[in-house]
C-alpha cells in the first residue's frame, strides 16, 4: 500500500472542501446538497475531498434498499483527489470514511453514488472500494452549450437554477426548444449507479449487475476517454 497508509481522513468545513472541489474536480462545481465533507491529508496537506449529502430527489433512490427510513442513506456526490496522493489512496480514503460513518453516524445504512460515463469515468474507484453496480443508463440530459458550459437539463428551469436559467435560458424556453434552436448539444455517454452497504444486513431491492455489463453496453470510460474495462486491464491501468 506504500504511503497510502499514512493518509489521515477527517471531517473538514464546507468552505475548505468546496474550494478544493472547484479546483480539482473535473466538473469544477460543488453540489449544494453536500453537508458532510471528509478531507484526505498527507504530510499535513489536503490532497483529497469526499463530500456526502442527501440526493437531489431522495424519493427516486430511497427504495433501492429495503425498509430505508428517510435519514438512513447518503449520496457520495463529490470525490476529488489531486495528483499528489499515492496509488490506492482513493479506496483507502473511502474505507476510512465509511468506518467513521459507522462509528459516528450508525443510523446511516448505505451509500449511493453515480459515475459520470459522459465526462469522467465508469466507476473504477467504486468497484475497487466494494460498491456494487445496480444500473447503467444512457445519459440523455447532460448538455453542453456553445461556450463549453456543461449542465444537466434540470437546471434550465428558473425555479431549479435561476442563475443558469437567466444566462442560458433567458427566453424561458423548453429544453426541446433550446435544442432545436441549436443552443446546446447532448453529451454522449452513460451514467452508472453504485451502492455500498454500510449495514451488511440490509437488502438491495434492485438487480446487482456484473461489472462485465459495462463493456457489453459500451459504457466504459476512463479519465474522460472511451475505453473498455478489458482494454484497461490489459494496459494495466487502475
Protein backbone atom coordinates (compact mmCIF):
# COMPACT_ATOMS: atom_id res chain seq x y z
CA UNK A 1 0.00 0.00 0.00
CA UNK A 2 3.02 2.26 0.34
CA UNK A 3 2.40 5.76 1.66
CA UNK A 4 -1.37 5.41 1.28
CA UNK A 5 -1.39 4.07 4.84
CA UNK A 6 -0.08 7.44 6.06
CA UNK A 7 -3.14 9.34 4.82
CA UNK A 8 -5.29 10.89 7.54
CA UNK A 9 -9.02 11.30 6.89
CA UNK A 10 -11.08 13.73 8.96
CA UNK A 11 -14.14 15.97 8.71
CA UNK A 12 -13.44 19.44 7.30
CA UNK A 13 -15.55 22.61 6.89
CA UNK A 14 -17.58 23.03 3.71
CA UNK A 15 -15.71 26.24 2.84
CA UNK A 16 -12.40 24.37 2.61
CA UNK A 17 -13.94 21.33 0.91
CA UNK A 18 -15.79 23.35 -1.72
CA UNK A 19 -12.70 25.35 -2.63
CA UNK A 20 -10.73 22.14 -3.16
CA UNK A 21 -13.50 20.56 -5.24
CA UNK A 22 -13.79 23.58 -7.51
CA UNK A 23 -10.06 23.40 -8.14
CA UNK A 24 -9.69 19.62 -8.53
CA UNK A 25 -12.97 18.02 -9.60
CA UNK A 26 -13.39 17.59 -13.36
CA UNK A 27 -16.72 19.47 -13.27
CA UNK A 28 -15.33 22.44 -11.33
CA UNK A 29 -18.64 22.53 -9.46
CA UNK A 30 -19.88 21.69 -5.98
CA UNK A 31 -23.19 20.07 -5.02
CA UNK A 32 -25.25 22.35 -2.80
CA UNK A 33 -26.78 19.34 -1.05
CA UNK A 34 -23.38 18.29 0.31
CA UNK A 35 -23.38 18.59 4.08
CA UNK A 36 -20.61 16.27 5.24
CA UNK A 37 -17.06 16.61 3.92
CA UNK A 38 -14.06 14.38 4.61
CA UNK A 39 -10.61 15.73 3.90
CA UNK A 40 -7.70 13.45 2.99
CA UNK A 41 -4.35 14.66 4.31
CA UNK A 42 -0.81 13.51 3.60
CA UNK A 43 2.07 15.25 5.39
CA UNK A 44 -0.49 17.68 6.84
CA UNK A 45 -1.54 18.84 3.38
CA UNK A 46 -5.04 18.46 1.94
CA UNK A 47 -4.97 16.30 -1.19
CA UNK A 48 -8.49 14.89 -1.43
CA UNK A 49 -12.12 15.55 -0.53
CA UNK A 50 -15.16 13.27 -0.28
CA UNK A 51 -18.50 15.06 0.04
CA UNK A 52 -21.75 13.43 1.16
CA UNK A 53 -25.29 14.73 1.29
CA UNK A 54 -28.92 13.98 0.63
CA UNK A 55 -29.73 13.10 -3.02
CA UNK A 56 -31.39 15.85 -5.06
CA UNK A 57 -34.53 13.70 -5.28
CA UNK A 58 -34.39 11.14 -2.49
CA UNK A 59 -37.77 9.70 -3.49
CA UNK A 60 -36.15 8.17 -6.58
CA UNK A 61 -33.45 6.26 -4.69
CA UNK A 62 -34.69 5.58 -1.16
CA UNK A 63 -36.44 2.42 -2.31
CA UNK A 64 -33.22 0.90 -3.67
CA UNK A 65 -32.59 -0.67 -0.26
CA UNK A 66 -35.40 -2.37 1.62
CA UNK A 67 -37.13 -0.55 4.51
CA UNK A 68 -34.88 2.52 4.35
CA UNK A 69 -36.01 5.39 6.56
CA UNK A 70 -35.69 8.98 5.37
CA UNK A 71 -32.45 9.67 7.28
CA UNK A 72 -30.72 6.32 6.75
CA UNK A 73 -28.84 6.88 3.50
CA UNK A 74 -26.49 9.38 1.89
CA UNK A 75 -25.19 10.13 -1.57
CA UNK A 76 -21.47 10.38 -2.18
CA UNK A 77 -21.85 13.30 -4.57
CA UNK A 78 -18.28 14.54 -4.97
CA UNK A 79 -14.99 12.67 -4.95
CA UNK A 80 -11.94 14.77 -5.78
CA UNK A 81 -8.24 13.93 -5.39
CA UNK A 82 -5.18 15.71 -6.69
CA UNK A 83 -2.13 14.06 -8.24
CA UNK A 84 -0.01 14.05 -5.09
CA UNK A 85 -1.61 11.06 -3.39
CA UNK A 86 -0.05 7.61 -3.93
CA UNK A 87 -1.66 4.62 -5.62
CA UNK A 88 -4.69 3.05 -3.87
CA UNK A 89 -5.36 6.27 -1.94
CA UNK A 90 -8.96 6.65 -3.10
CA UNK A 91 -10.13 3.22 -1.96
CA UNK A 92 -8.27 3.59 1.35
CA UNK A 93 -9.82 7.01 2.00
CA UNK A 94 -13.30 5.72 1.25
CA UNK A 95 -12.74 2.78 3.58
CA UNK A 96 -11.75 5.12 6.42
CA UNK A 97 -14.69 7.45 5.72
CA UNK A 98 -17.11 4.53 5.88
CA UNK A 99 -15.64 3.37 9.20
CA UNK A 100 -16.06 6.90 10.58
CA UNK A 101 -19.67 6.97 9.39
CA UNK A 102 -20.44 3.62 11.01
CA UNK A 103 -18.89 4.77 14.29
CA UNK A 104 -20.27 8.31 14.48
CA UNK A 105 -23.47 8.06 12.43
CA UNK A 106 -24.68 4.47 12.91
CA UNK A 107 -28.14 5.37 11.60
CA UNK A 108 -26.68 5.69 8.07
CA UNK A 109 -27.18 2.27 6.49
CA UNK A 110 -25.98 2.71 2.92
CA UNK A 111 -24.40 4.98 0.33
CA UNK A 112 -25.36 5.64 -3.28
CA UNK A 113 -23.10 7.25 -5.86
CA UNK A 114 -23.15 7.85 -9.59
CA UNK A 115 -20.26 7.54 -12.03
CA UNK A 116 -20.23 10.01 -14.91
CA UNK A 117 -19.55 7.96 -18.02
CA UNK A 118 -20.02 11.07 -20.17
CA UNK A 119 -17.13 13.18 -18.93
CA UNK A 120 -15.04 11.28 -16.39
CA UNK A 121 -15.13 7.53 -15.76
CA UNK A 122 -17.21 4.41 -15.27
CA UNK A 123 -16.57 3.93 -11.54
CA UNK A 124 -13.17 2.26 -11.17
CA UNK A 125 -12.77 3.64 -7.64
CA UNK A 126 -16.21 2.44 -6.60
CA UNK A 127 -15.58 -1.09 -7.84
CA UNK A 128 -12.21 -1.17 -6.02
CA UNK A 129 -13.92 0.04 -2.84
CA UNK A 130 -16.59 -2.64 -2.59
CA UNK A 131 -19.56 -0.90 -4.20
CA UNK A 132 -21.96 -2.96 -6.30
CA UNK A 133 -23.25 -1.83 -9.69
CA UNK A 134 -27.04 -1.52 -9.87
CA UNK A 135 -27.79 0.48 -13.01
CA UNK A 136 -26.31 1.64 -16.31
CA UNK A 137 -28.38 4.08 -18.27
CA UNK A 138 -27.89 6.29 -21.27
CA UNK A 139 -27.43 9.84 -20.02
CA UNK A 140 -29.56 11.98 -22.29
CA UNK A 141 -29.88 15.03 -20.08
CA UNK A 142 -26.30 16.31 -19.92
CA UNK A 143 -25.97 19.42 -22.08
CA UNK A 144 -23.01 21.34 -23.48
CA UNK A 145 -23.62 24.91 -24.66
CA UNK A 146 -21.78 26.72 -27.42
CA UNK A 147 -19.43 28.38 -24.94
CA UNK A 148 -18.47 24.99 -23.49
CA UNK A 149 -20.60 25.25 -20.35
CA UNK A 150 -21.95 21.86 -19.21
CA UNK A 151 -25.03 21.34 -17.06
CA UNK A 152 -27.95 18.99 -16.53
CA UNK A 153 -31.22 19.72 -18.24
CA UNK A 154 -32.98 20.10 -14.90
CA UNK A 155 -31.04 23.31 -14.30
CA UNK A 156 -32.63 25.14 -17.23
CA UNK A 157 -35.85 25.88 -15.37
CA UNK A 158 -35.97 29.12 -13.42
CA UNK A 159 -37.20 27.52 -10.22
CA UNK A 160 -34.45 24.91 -10.21
CA UNK A 161 -31.46 27.11 -11.01
CA UNK A 162 -32.24 30.79 -11.61
CA UNK A 163 -28.62 31.81 -12.25
CA UNK A 164 -28.15 29.24 -15.00
CA UNK A 165 -31.61 29.88 -16.41
CA UNK A 166 -31.06 33.61 -16.58
CA UNK A 167 -27.88 33.21 -18.64
CA UNK A 168 -28.65 30.17 -20.80
CA UNK A 169 -32.45 30.24 -20.97
CA UNK A 170 -33.33 33.91 -20.73
CA UNK A 171 -36.27 33.37 -23.10
CA UNK A 172 -37.71 30.75 -20.73
CA UNK A 173 -38.00 28.13 -23.48
CA UNK A 174 -38.38 24.39 -23.02
CA UNK A 175 -35.31 22.16 -23.19
CA UNK A 176 -36.50 20.77 -26.53
CA UNK A 177 -36.98 24.26 -27.98
CA UNK A 178 -33.49 25.32 -26.92
CA UNK A 179 -32.02 22.20 -28.52
CA UNK A 180 -33.89 22.76 -31.77
CA UNK A 181 -32.62 26.33 -31.80
CA UNK A 182 -29.07 25.00 -31.53
CA UNK A 183 -28.23 26.48 -28.16
CA UNK A 184 -26.69 23.22 -26.92
CA UNK A 185 -25.89 19.63 -27.83
CA UNK A 186 -26.35 16.49 -25.74
CA UNK A 187 -23.18 14.79 -24.47
CA UNK A 188 -22.91 11.13 -25.43
CA UNK A 189 -22.35 8.66 -22.63
CA UNK A 190 -23.79 6.74 -19.71
CA UNK A 191 -24.49 7.17 -16.02
CA UNK A 192 -23.68 4.26 -13.71
CA UNK A 193 -25.25 3.83 -10.28
CA UNK A 194 -23.33 2.18 -7.44
CA UNK A 195 -24.43 1.20 -3.92
CA UNK A 196 -22.35 0.47 -0.82
CA UNK A 197 -23.97 -1.16 2.20
CA UNK A 198 -22.58 0.12 5.47
CA UNK A 199 -25.03 -2.22 7.20
CA UNK A 200 -24.45 -5.59 5.55
CA UNK A 201 -27.80 -6.89 6.82
CA UNK A 202 -29.63 -4.50 4.50
CA UNK A 203 -31.14 -5.87 1.31
CA UNK A 204 -30.82 -4.20 -2.09
CA UNK A 205 -34.15 -4.32 -3.92
CA UNK A 206 -32.86 -3.99 -7.49
CA UNK A 207 -30.71 -6.41 -9.52
CA UNK A 208 -26.94 -6.27 -8.96
CA UNK A 209 -25.22 -6.12 -12.33
CA UNK A 210 -21.93 -7.84 -13.18
CA UNK A 211 -19.18 -5.36 -13.98
CA UNK A 212 -18.86 -7.02 -17.39
CA UNK A 213 -22.16 -5.31 -18.26
CA UNK A 214 -20.23 -2.04 -18.61
CA UNK A 215 -18.38 -3.32 -21.65
CA UNK A 216 -21.47 -5.06 -23.03
CA UNK A 217 -23.27 -1.72 -23.14
CA UNK A 218 -20.27 0.26 -24.35
CA UNK A 219 -20.32 2.38 -21.21
CA UNK A 220 -16.62 2.13 -20.35
CA UNK A 221 -14.75 5.38 -19.82
CA UNK A 222 -11.53 6.37 -18.07
CA UNK A 223 -10.43 9.95 -17.40
CA UNK A 224 -12.83 11.32 -19.98
CA UNK A 225 -11.87 8.86 -22.75
CA UNK A 226 -13.91 5.94 -24.06
CA UNK A 227 -12.19 2.66 -23.22
CA UNK A 228 -13.38 -0.83 -22.35
CA UNK A 229 -12.65 -2.30 -18.95
CA UNK A 230 -10.95 -5.22 -20.75
CA UNK A 231 -8.54 -2.92 -22.60
CA UNK A 232 -7.89 -1.01 -19.41
CA UNK A 233 -6.81 -4.17 -17.61
CA UNK A 234 -4.56 -5.17 -20.49
CA UNK A 235 -2.89 -1.76 -20.30
CA UNK A 236 -2.50 -2.23 -16.51
CA UNK A 237 -4.43 0.96 -15.83
CA UNK A 238 -6.01 1.26 -12.39
